[in-house]
């Protein structure tokens, strides 16, 4: 009987932070007779530079007295290491070739802890489908969390790494776990949820979680539901869930301030996702609110004193309330002279004229003018185009990219009187929320009815 290990190689192999990487740890604890090392372009560079992977296996061989027959599968042209489909097909072929050469009593081990997320996902899928007879091995990190990234794997002293490896001590901890196929499917789905989170697709993440009844805790599902409702700008639901979980993802506490900040954060997510049509549909209310707040906090003019709401909840200028005010004088001048301004719904163009007429701050006036021009150029054009909106089109329309337009709104919000905006980390709050959800996911995965420890 022979024991065979197939292992992709990642940045933590062969040794990281003075402990075995996953590949070496499986070799230490399972003593395979043959070891197949799968190397992408970057790992091939390290391999050619110092032969670090075979060196450490050979040193382990000397230590334990067991011979490892090492075979290296080099993919020097493989630079796109995040493409799941490439690895699924290539791993399937490699494993099929290995299985073809095996005897009935031989055992094949699969390292599902090394390599990029795409590599791990591909192996998890292969394991879940049970097409080949192998035993998936998961290796936990010594600290039960992600490896540190402070070591430079390009400046790697392999002899020193081996000498300082704490797993060489006689009483080293076995961190290997043999994972069942149902558990692998759970891990695969959790990885899918994480991918959806990285893509800010909270609807997809939530629905995958709902399908995992019994494998994810109720707390995990609540966190994902909270993220989905946040993306829907449903603050009341987000607050309701926060009372259950104790976690509040929205960084601004004051209700009227929170509405504006969350709306712009929502636009930021749409810009990152490349949904530019939705992004441009949202800039008009955002710019209107920004200009209104700038008038209130920098020019001391609250336009609510001059308008009234109707059944459609649209605020309209009220001529009776405007009568005799400086606001009406400015609007009349902007539209052709006394009595020429026709009250109706409040538009950002009106507020721009008021800022230009009332403010002494040149920076405020310049930024208000820039925002209004961008909105004017984009709103009607985007609304009437039937072709996909691209960055090239946006640049042609406005002379700016979507990222630059978003930055204009971020810069202008300092005129809106929101104290929390002094903290620049607010703009990373969706990513912070995603990190928090990932931590909760890792803590609350349930394997075979038992919570992951």
Protein backbone atom coordinates (compact mmCIF):
# COMPACT_ATOMS: atom_id res chain seq x y z
CA UNK A 1 0.00 0.00 0.00
CA UNK A 2 1.23 3.48 -0.89
CA UNK A 3 0.06 6.80 0.46
CA UNK A 4 0.08 9.69 -2.03
CA UNK A 5 -0.31 13.43 -1.41
CA UNK A 6 -1.44 15.98 -4.00
CA UNK A 7 -0.77 19.51 -2.80
CA UNK A 8 -1.01 22.92 -4.41
CA UNK A 9 1.66 25.23 -3.06
CA UNK A 10 0.88 28.66 -1.59
CA UNK A 11 2.63 31.58 0.05
CA UNK A 12 2.67 29.90 3.48
CA UNK A 13 4.57 26.85 2.17
CA UNK A 14 6.83 25.28 3.21
CA UNK A 15 7.24 27.19 6.52
CA UNK A 16 5.62 30.39 7.72
CA UNK A 17 5.91 32.22 11.06
CA UNK A 18 8.22 29.46 12.40
CA UNK A 19 5.66 26.68 11.85
CA UNK A 20 4.89 24.16 9.09
CA UNK A 21 2.85 25.30 6.16
CA UNK A 22 -0.03 22.98 5.22
CA UNK A 23 1.92 20.86 2.73
CA UNK A 24 4.84 20.16 5.08
CA UNK A 25 2.51 19.55 8.04
CA UNK A 26 0.58 16.88 6.14
CA UNK A 27 3.87 15.25 5.14
CA UNK A 28 4.99 15.28 8.79
CA UNK A 29 1.82 13.71 10.15
CA UNK A 30 0.76 11.34 7.33
CA UNK A 31 4.18 10.32 5.90
CA UNK A 32 3.03 9.93 2.28
CA UNK A 33 5.25 7.83 0.02
CA UNK A 34 4.73 10.12 -2.97
CA UNK A 35 4.21 13.88 -2.89
CA UNK A 36 2.93 15.81 -5.91
CA UNK A 37 3.63 19.53 -5.61
CA UNK A 38 1.54 21.79 -7.88
CA UNK A 39 3.32 25.09 -8.59
CA UNK A 40 1.90 28.19 -10.29
CA UNK A 41 4.22 30.75 -11.91
CA UNK A 42 5.07 32.59 -8.67
CA UNK A 43 5.82 29.35 -6.81
CA UNK A 44 7.94 28.14 -9.73
CA UNK A 45 10.08 31.26 -9.30
CA UNK A 46 10.66 30.42 -5.62
CA UNK A 47 11.30 26.78 -6.47
CA UNK A 48 13.94 27.65 -9.07
CA UNK A 49 15.55 30.19 -6.76
CA UNK A 50 16.18 28.05 -3.66
CA UNK A 51 14.36 24.70 -4.07
CA UNK A 52 12.65 25.48 -0.74
CA UNK A 53 9.83 22.94 -1.04
CA UNK A 54 11.94 19.87 -1.77
CA UNK A 55 14.65 21.06 0.64
CA UNK A 56 12.26 21.06 3.61
CA UNK A 57 10.77 17.71 2.62
CA UNK A 58 14.29 16.25 2.41
CA UNK A 59 15.12 17.66 5.86
CA UNK A 60 11.91 16.10 7.20
CA UNK A 61 12.97 12.84 5.59
CA UNK A 62 16.26 12.94 7.51
CA UNK A 63 14.42 13.71 10.73
CA UNK A 64 11.77 11.01 10.58
CA UNK A 65 13.55 8.34 8.53
CA UNK A 66 10.77 8.10 5.94
CA UNK A 67 11.46 8.49 2.22
CA UNK A 68 9.30 10.93 0.25
CA UNK A 69 9.24 10.56 -3.53
CA UNK A 70 8.66 14.18 -4.60
CA UNK A 71 7.25 15.02 -8.01
CA UNK A 72 6.88 18.66 -9.06
CA UNK A 73 4.10 19.78 -11.41
CA UNK A 74 5.23 23.14 -12.78
CA UNK A 75 2.81 25.58 -14.41
CA UNK A 76 5.20 28.38 -15.36
CA UNK A 77 2.63 30.11 -17.58
CA UNK A 78 -0.04 30.14 -14.87
CA UNK A 79 -0.16 33.73 -13.60
CA UNK A 80 -3.91 34.27 -13.23
CA UNK A 81 -4.17 32.41 -9.92
CA UNK A 82 -7.72 33.62 -9.13
CA UNK A 83 -9.42 31.82 -12.02
CA UNK A 84 -11.34 28.96 -10.43
CA UNK A 85 -12.21 27.27 -13.75
CA UNK A 86 -8.54 26.90 -14.76
CA UNK A 87 -7.71 25.09 -11.55
CA UNK A 88 -10.80 22.90 -11.53
CA UNK A 89 -9.98 21.48 -14.95
CA UNK A 90 -6.23 21.21 -14.38
CA UNK A 91 -6.55 19.69 -10.90
CA UNK A 92 -9.10 17.21 -12.20
CA UNK A 93 -6.68 16.10 -14.93
CA UNK A 94 -3.70 15.88 -12.54
CA UNK A 95 -5.67 13.86 -10.00
CA UNK A 96 -7.10 11.59 -12.70
CA UNK A 97 -3.54 10.84 -13.90
CA UNK A 98 -2.45 10.02 -10.36
CA UNK A 99 -5.48 7.79 -9.75
CA UNK A 100 -4.81 5.92 -13.01
CA UNK A 101 -1.40 4.88 -11.64
CA UNK A 102 -2.68 3.81 -8.23
CA UNK A 103 -3.41 0.29 -6.97
CA UNK A 104 -6.70 -0.53 -5.30
CA UNK A 105 -5.20 -0.42 -1.80
CA UNK A 106 -3.36 2.89 -2.32
CA UNK A 107 -4.57 6.03 -0.52
CA UNK A 108 -4.67 9.51 -2.03
CA UNK A 109 -4.53 12.57 0.25
CA UNK A 110 -5.60 16.01 -0.92
CA UNK A 111 -4.30 19.22 0.69
CA UNK A 112 -7.24 21.65 0.62
CA UNK A 113 -5.54 24.33 2.76
CA UNK A 114 -2.67 25.55 0.54
CA UNK A 115 -2.80 27.90 -2.43
CA UNK A 116 -5.06 30.72 -3.52
CA UNK A 117 -8.81 30.86 -2.75
CA UNK A 118 -9.52 29.74 -6.32
CA UNK A 119 -7.28 26.68 -5.86
CA UNK A 120 -8.93 25.78 -2.57
CA UNK A 121 -12.42 26.22 -4.01
CA UNK A 122 -11.59 24.01 -6.98
CA UNK A 123 -10.31 21.24 -4.70
CA UNK A 124 -13.32 21.55 -2.40
CA UNK A 125 -15.65 21.13 -5.38
CA UNK A 126 -13.71 18.10 -6.61
CA UNK A 127 -13.86 16.64 -3.11
CA UNK A 128 -17.59 17.29 -2.78
CA UNK A 129 -18.39 15.61 -6.08
CA UNK A 130 -16.56 12.46 -4.89
CA UNK A 131 -15.50 11.63 -8.43
CA UNK A 132 -12.16 10.25 -7.21
CA UNK A 133 -11.29 8.17 -4.11
CA UNK A 134 -9.27 10.59 -1.99
CA UNK A 135 -9.10 11.93 1.54
CA UNK A 136 -9.26 15.75 1.83
CA UNK A 137 -7.02 17.16 4.58
CA UNK A 138 -7.53 20.60 6.10
CA UNK A 139 -4.73 22.15 8.17
CA UNK A 140 -5.51 24.90 10.67
CA UNK A 141 -3.01 27.67 11.36
CA UNK A 142 -1.23 27.52 14.73
CA UNK A 143 -3.10 30.62 15.96
CA UNK A 144 -6.47 29.49 14.54
CA UNK A 145 -6.61 32.53 12.27
CA UNK A 146 -5.13 33.84 9.02
CA UNK A 147 -1.35 33.73 8.73
CA UNK A 148 0.57 36.95 9.27
CA UNK A 149 1.72 38.64 6.07
CA UNK A 150 4.79 40.42 7.48
CA UNK A 151 7.27 37.85 6.19
CA UNK A 152 8.76 38.46 2.78
CA UNK A 153 8.56 35.19 0.83
CA UNK A 154 10.86 36.62 -1.83
CA UNK A 155 13.69 37.03 0.71
CA UNK A 156 13.41 33.52 2.09
CA UNK A 157 16.31 31.87 3.94
CA UNK A 158 15.24 28.26 3.65
CA UNK A 159 17.97 26.78 5.89
CA UNK A 160 17.18 29.29 8.64
CA UNK A 161 13.45 28.68 8.26
CA UNK A 162 13.97 24.96 8.78
CA UNK A 163 16.22 25.44 11.80
CA UNK A 164 13.72 27.81 13.47
CA UNK A 165 10.65 25.69 12.69
CA UNK A 166 8.92 25.01 16.00
CA UNK A 167 7.08 22.02 14.53
CA UNK A 168 10.41 20.16 14.49
CA UNK A 169 10.14 19.78 18.25
CA UNK A 170 9.17 16.36 19.52
CA UNK A 171 5.78 17.38 20.93
CA UNK A 172 4.41 19.29 17.97
CA UNK A 173 0.64 19.68 17.62
CA UNK A 174 -1.11 17.82 14.81
CA UNK A 175 -3.24 20.49 13.11
CA UNK A 176 -4.61 18.22 10.37
CA UNK A 177 -8.29 17.43 10.05
CA UNK A 178 -9.84 14.90 7.68
CA UNK A 179 -12.88 16.64 6.23
CA UNK A 180 -16.06 14.83 5.25
CA UNK A 181 -17.69 15.58 1.88
CA UNK A 182 -20.72 17.26 3.48
CA UNK A 183 -18.39 19.47 5.47
CA UNK A 184 -16.43 20.27 2.32
CA UNK A 185 -19.64 21.37 0.65
CA UNK A 186 -20.27 23.62 3.65
CA UNK A 187 -16.78 25.12 3.33
CA UNK A 188 -17.33 25.62 -0.38
CA UNK A 189 -20.62 27.45 0.19
CA UNK A 190 -19.03 29.62 2.89
CA UNK A 191 -16.30 30.53 0.41
CA UNK A 192 -19.02 31.39 -2.12
CA UNK A 193 -20.66 33.68 0.47
CA UNK A 194 -17.29 35.36 1.06
CA UNK A 195 -16.87 35.89 -2.69
CA UNK A 196 -20.31 37.50 -2.86
CA UNK A 197 -19.34 39.75 0.06
CA UNK A 198 -16.15 40.83 -1.70
CA UNK A 199 -18.33 41.68 -4.72
CA UNK A 200 -20.83 43.53 -2.48
CA UNK A 201 -23.57 41.20 -3.71
CA UNK A 202 -25.45 40.91 -0.44
CA UNK A 203 -28.61 39.47 -1.96
CA UNK A 204 -26.70 36.50 -3.37
CA UNK A 205 -24.74 36.01 -0.13
CA UNK A 206 -27.91 36.04 1.94
CA UNK A 207 -29.72 33.54 -0.26
CA UNK A 208 -26.78 31.10 -0.20
CA UNK A 209 -26.78 31.36 3.60
CA UNK A 210 -30.53 30.67 3.75
CA UNK A 211 -29.94 27.46 1.80
CA UNK A 212 -27.45 26.26 4.45
CA UNK A 213 -29.98 25.59 7.19
CA UNK A 214 -28.30 23.61 9.97
CA UNK A 215 -24.81 24.48 8.70
CA UNK A 216 -24.77 28.17 9.61
CA UNK A 217 -25.98 29.65 12.86
CA UNK A 218 -28.97 31.97 12.99
CA UNK A 219 -26.53 34.75 13.92
CA UNK A 220 -24.69 34.38 10.59
CA UNK A 221 -27.92 34.67 8.64
CA UNK A 222 -28.90 37.75 10.64
CA UNK A 223 -25.61 39.46 9.84
CA UNK A 224 -26.10 38.79 6.14
CA UNK A 225 -29.72 39.96 6.26
CA UNK A 226 -28.53 43.13 7.99
CA UNK A 227 -25.99 43.77 5.21
CA UNK A 228 -28.69 43.22 2.57
CA UNK A 229 -31.08 45.65 4.29
CA UNK A 230 -28.28 48.19 4.60
CA UNK A 231 -27.69 47.99 0.85
CA UNK A 232 -31.44 48.55 0.42
CA UNK A 233 -31.10 51.67 2.63
CA UNK A 234 -33.54 50.17 5.09
CA UNK A 235 -32.10 51.75 8.27
CA UNK A 236 -34.97 50.72 10.53
CA UNK A 237 -34.43 47.04 9.70
CA UNK A 238 -30.66 47.40 10.14
CA UNK A 239 -31.26 48.92 13.58
CA UNK A 240 -33.72 46.17 14.50
CA UNK A 241 -31.19 43.45 13.66
CA UNK A 242 -28.46 45.37 15.50
CA UNK A 243 -30.51 44.98 18.69
CA UNK A 244 -30.37 41.20 18.21
CA UNK A 245 -26.71 40.86 17.21
CA UNK A 246 -25.15 43.76 19.09
CA UNK A 247 -23.45 44.88 15.87
CA UNK A 248 -24.20 48.20 14.16
CA UNK A 249 -22.53 48.52 10.72
CA UNK A 250 -23.70 52.08 10.03
CA UNK A 251 -21.06 54.50 11.33
CA UNK A 252 -23.18 57.66 11.67
CA UNK A 253 -25.59 57.86 14.60
CA UNK A 254 -27.76 60.93 13.95
CA UNK A 255 -30.72 59.95 11.77
CA UNK A 256 -30.72 62.87 9.32
CA UNK A 257 -26.94 62.65 8.90
CA UNK A 258 -27.03 58.89 8.53
CA UNK A 259 -29.46 59.06 5.60
CA UNK A 260 -27.06 61.15 3.51
CA UNK A 261 -23.90 59.25 4.45
CA UNK A 262 -25.48 55.84 3.84
CA UNK A 263 -26.83 57.02 0.50
CA UNK A 264 -23.36 58.09 -0.66
CA UNK A 265 -21.80 54.88 0.71
CA UNK A 266 -24.44 53.02 -1.29
CA UNK A 267 -23.36 54.93 -4.41
CA UNK A 268 -19.76 54.02 -3.64
CA UNK A 269 -20.67 50.32 -3.64
CA UNK A 270 -22.48 50.71 -6.97
CA UNK A 271 -19.44 52.46 -8.41
CA UNK A 272 -17.16 49.65 -7.21
CA UNK A 273 -19.50 47.05 -8.72
CA UNK A 274 -19.56 48.89 -12.04
CA UNK A 275 -23.36 49.36 -12.04
CA UNK A 276 -22.98 52.84 -13.48
CA UNK A 277 -26.61 53.26 -14.54
CA UNK A 278 -27.72 52.82 -10.92
CA UNK A 279 -24.87 55.06 -9.81
CA UNK A 280 -26.01 57.92 -12.03
CA UNK A 281 -29.65 57.51 -11.08
CA UNK A 282 -28.57 58.11 -7.50
CA UNK A 283 -26.34 61.17 -7.88
CA UNK A 284 -29.23 63.63 -8.38
CA UNK A 285 -30.84 63.11 -4.94
CA UNK A 286 -27.37 62.91 -3.38
CA UNK A 287 -26.23 66.21 -4.89
CA UNK A 288 -29.56 67.85 -4.04
CA UNK A 289 -29.18 66.83 -0.39
CA UNK A 290 -25.53 67.89 -0.28
CA UNK A 291 -26.32 71.37 -1.64
CA UNK A 292 -29.30 71.75 0.70
CA UNK A 293 -27.20 70.88 3.73
CA UNK A 294 -24.37 73.18 2.63
CA UNK A 295 -26.89 76.04 2.42
CA UNK A 296 -28.08 75.27 5.93
CA UNK A 297 -24.71 74.80 7.65
CA UNK A 298 -22.50 77.23 5.72
CA UNK A 299 -24.94 79.88 4.48
CA UNK A 300 -27.43 79.70 7.37
CA UNK A 301 -30.38 79.23 5.04
CA UNK A 302 -32.86 76.43 5.68
CA UNK A 303 -34.89 75.98 2.51
CA UNK A 304 -37.62 74.18 4.47
CA UNK A 305 -38.73 77.67 5.56
CA UNK A 306 -39.54 78.47 1.92
CA UNK A 307 -41.21 75.33 0.70
CA UNK A 308 -44.12 73.01 1.36
CA UNK A 309 -44.62 69.28 0.89
CA UNK A 310 -47.42 67.81 -1.19
CA UNK A 311 -49.09 64.43 -1.28
CA UNK A 312 -46.29 63.01 -3.44
CA UNK A 313 -43.74 63.97 -0.73
CA UNK A 314 -41.94 66.25 -3.18
CA UNK A 315 -40.87 69.59 -1.68
CA UNK A 316 -41.90 72.60 -3.77
CA UNK A 317 -41.07 76.25 -3.44
CA UNK A 318 -43.90 78.23 -1.82
CA UNK A 319 -44.20 81.73 -3.30
CA UNK A 320 -45.98 83.06 -0.22
CA UNK A 321 -43.11 81.91 2.01
CA UNK A 322 -40.52 83.21 -0.46
CA UNK A 323 -42.09 86.67 -0.66
CA UNK A 324 -39.75 89.47 0.41
CA UNK A 325 -36.79 87.15 1.04
CA UNK A 326 -33.22 87.39 -0.24
CA UNK A 327 -33.67 83.81 -1.46
CA UNK A 328 -36.39 84.93 -3.89
CA UNK A 329 -34.27 87.88 -5.04
CA UNK A 330 -31.38 85.56 -5.91
CA UNK A 331 -33.64 83.10 -7.72
CA UNK A 332 -35.36 85.88 -9.65
CA UNK A 333 -32.00 87.30 -10.75
CA UNK A 334 -30.82 83.84 -11.83
CA UNK A 335 -33.90 83.35 -14.03
CA UNK A 336 -34.18 86.70 -15.78
CA UNK A 337 -35.22 89.34 -13.26
CA UNK A 338 -37.89 90.21 -10.73
CA UNK A 339 -40.93 87.96 -10.89
CA UNK A 340 -39.36 85.60 -13.46
CA UNK A 341 -38.71 82.67 -11.08
CA UNK A 342 -41.54 80.15 -11.27
CA UNK A 343 -41.93 78.14 -8.03
CA UNK A 344 -42.10 74.38 -8.45
CA UNK A 345 -40.13 71.34 -7.24
CA UNK A 346 -36.74 72.16 -5.70
CA UNK A 347 -33.84 71.30 -7.99
CA UNK A 348 -30.09 71.30 -7.44
CA UNK A 349 -29.81 74.09 -10.05
CA UNK A 350 -31.79 76.38 -7.70
CA UNK A 351 -29.57 75.54 -4.74
CA UNK A 352 -26.42 76.14 -6.75
CA UNK A 353 -27.63 79.69 -7.53
CA UNK A 354 -28.33 80.26 -3.84
CA UNK A 355 -24.87 79.07 -2.78
CA UNK A 356 -23.22 81.28 -5.40
CA UNK A 357 -25.29 84.25 -4.22
CA UNK A 358 -25.02 83.76 -0.47
CA UNK A 359 -21.61 82.25 0.24
CA UNK A 360 -18.24 83.95 0.56
CA UNK A 361 -16.38 80.64 0.49
CA UNK A 362 -14.74 80.23 -2.90
CA UNK A 363 -14.02 76.54 -2.36
CA UNK A 364 -17.67 75.87 -1.50
CA UNK A 365 -18.89 77.77 -4.55
CA UNK A 366 -16.40 76.07 -6.88
CA UNK A 367 -17.28 72.57 -5.66
CA UNK A 368 -21.02 73.29 -5.81
CA UNK A 369 -20.61 74.49 -9.39
CA UNK A 370 -18.60 71.37 -10.34
CA UNK A 371 -21.15 69.00 -8.82
CA UNK A 372 -24.07 70.66 -10.52
CA UNK A 373 -22.33 70.62 -13.91
CA UNK A 374 -21.58 66.91 -13.58
CA UNK A 375 -25.18 66.17 -12.65
CA UNK A 376 -26.50 68.27 -15.54
CA UNK A 377 -24.25 66.57 -18.09
CA UNK A 378 -24.88 63.05 -16.89
CA UNK A 379 -28.48 62.86 -15.73
CA UNK A 380 -30.32 63.39 -18.99
CA UNK A 381 -27.67 61.70 -21.14
CA UNK A 382 -27.58 58.55 -18.99
CA UNK A 383 -31.37 58.43 -18.76
CA UNK A 384 -31.78 58.44 -22.53
CA UNK A 385 -29.02 56.07 -23.61
CA UNK A 386 -29.83 52.47 -24.47
CA UNK A 387 -26.20 51.36 -24.62
CA UNK A 388 -24.13 50.17 -21.64
CA UNK A 389 -22.61 53.05 -19.67
CA UNK A 390 -18.81 52.69 -19.61
CA UNK A 391 -16.02 54.72 -18.10
CA UNK A 392 -15.12 55.99 -21.57
CA UNK A 393 -18.65 57.32 -22.05
CA UNK A 394 -18.69 58.95 -18.62
CA UNK A 395 -15.35 60.62 -19.30
CA UNK A 396 -16.63 61.88 -22.63
CA UNK A 397 -19.78 63.30 -21.04
CA UNK A 398 -18.23 64.87 -17.94
CA UNK A 399 -14.40 64.86 -18.29
CA UNK A 400 -14.36 62.80 -15.08
CA UNK A 401 -14.40 59.11 -14.16
CA UNK A 402 -17.09 57.72 -11.88
CA UNK A 403 -14.47 57.45 -9.14
CA UNK A 404 -13.62 61.14 -9.50
CA UNK A 405 -17.30 62.09 -9.41
CA UNK A 406 -17.75 60.06 -6.25
CA UNK A 407 -14.71 61.77 -4.73
CA UNK A 408 -16.30 65.16 -5.49
CA UNK A 409 -19.29 64.17 -3.36
CA UNK A 410 -17.03 62.88 -0.60
CA UNK A 411 -15.07 66.14 -0.62
CA UNK A 412 -18.25 68.24 -0.55
CA UNK A 413 -19.75 66.42 2.41
CA UNK A 414 -17.45 68.39 4.75
CA UNK A 415 -19.77 71.35 4.12
CA UNK A 416 -22.76 69.31 5.34
CA UNK A 417 -22.19 69.70 9.09
CA UNK A 418 -21.70 65.99 9.87
CA UNK A 419 -19.17 65.70 12.70
CA UNK A 420 -18.45 62.00 12.16
CA UNK A 421 -17.07 62.78 8.69
CA UNK A 422 -13.79 63.84 10.34
CA UNK A 423 -13.14 60.11 10.52
CA UNK A 424 -11.97 59.14 7.04
CA UNK A 425 -12.46 55.45 7.89
CA UNK A 426 -16.20 55.92 7.40
CA UNK A 427 -15.67 55.39 3.68
CA UNK A 428 -14.34 51.88 4.42
CA UNK A 429 -17.36 50.91 6.50
CA UNK A 430 -18.78 48.42 3.96
CA UNK A 431 -15.43 46.62 3.82
CA UNK A 432 -15.28 46.63 7.62
CA UNK A 433 -18.79 45.17 7.69
CA UNK A 434 -17.70 42.45 5.26
CA UNK A 435 -14.72 41.60 7.49
CA UNK A 436 -16.99 41.35 10.52
CA UNK A 437 -19.38 39.04 8.69
CA UNK A 438 -16.47 36.82 7.59
CA UNK A 439 -15.31 36.53 11.21
CA UNK A 440 -18.81 35.53 12.30
CA UNK A 441 -19.01 33.00 9.47
CA UNK A 442 -15.72 31.38 10.46
CA UNK A 443 -16.78 31.22 14.09
CA UNK A 444 -20.23 29.78 13.50
CA UNK A 445 -19.86 27.18 10.74
CA UNK A 446 -21.41 23.93 11.95
CA UNK A 447 -19.88 20.62 10.89
CA UNK A 448 -22.04 17.52 11.24
CA UNK A 449 -24.29 19.37 13.66
CA UNK A 450 -21.38 20.65 15.78
CA UNK A 451 -20.16 24.21 15.86
CA UNK A 452 -16.69 24.78 14.46
CA UNK A 453 -14.13 25.43 17.22
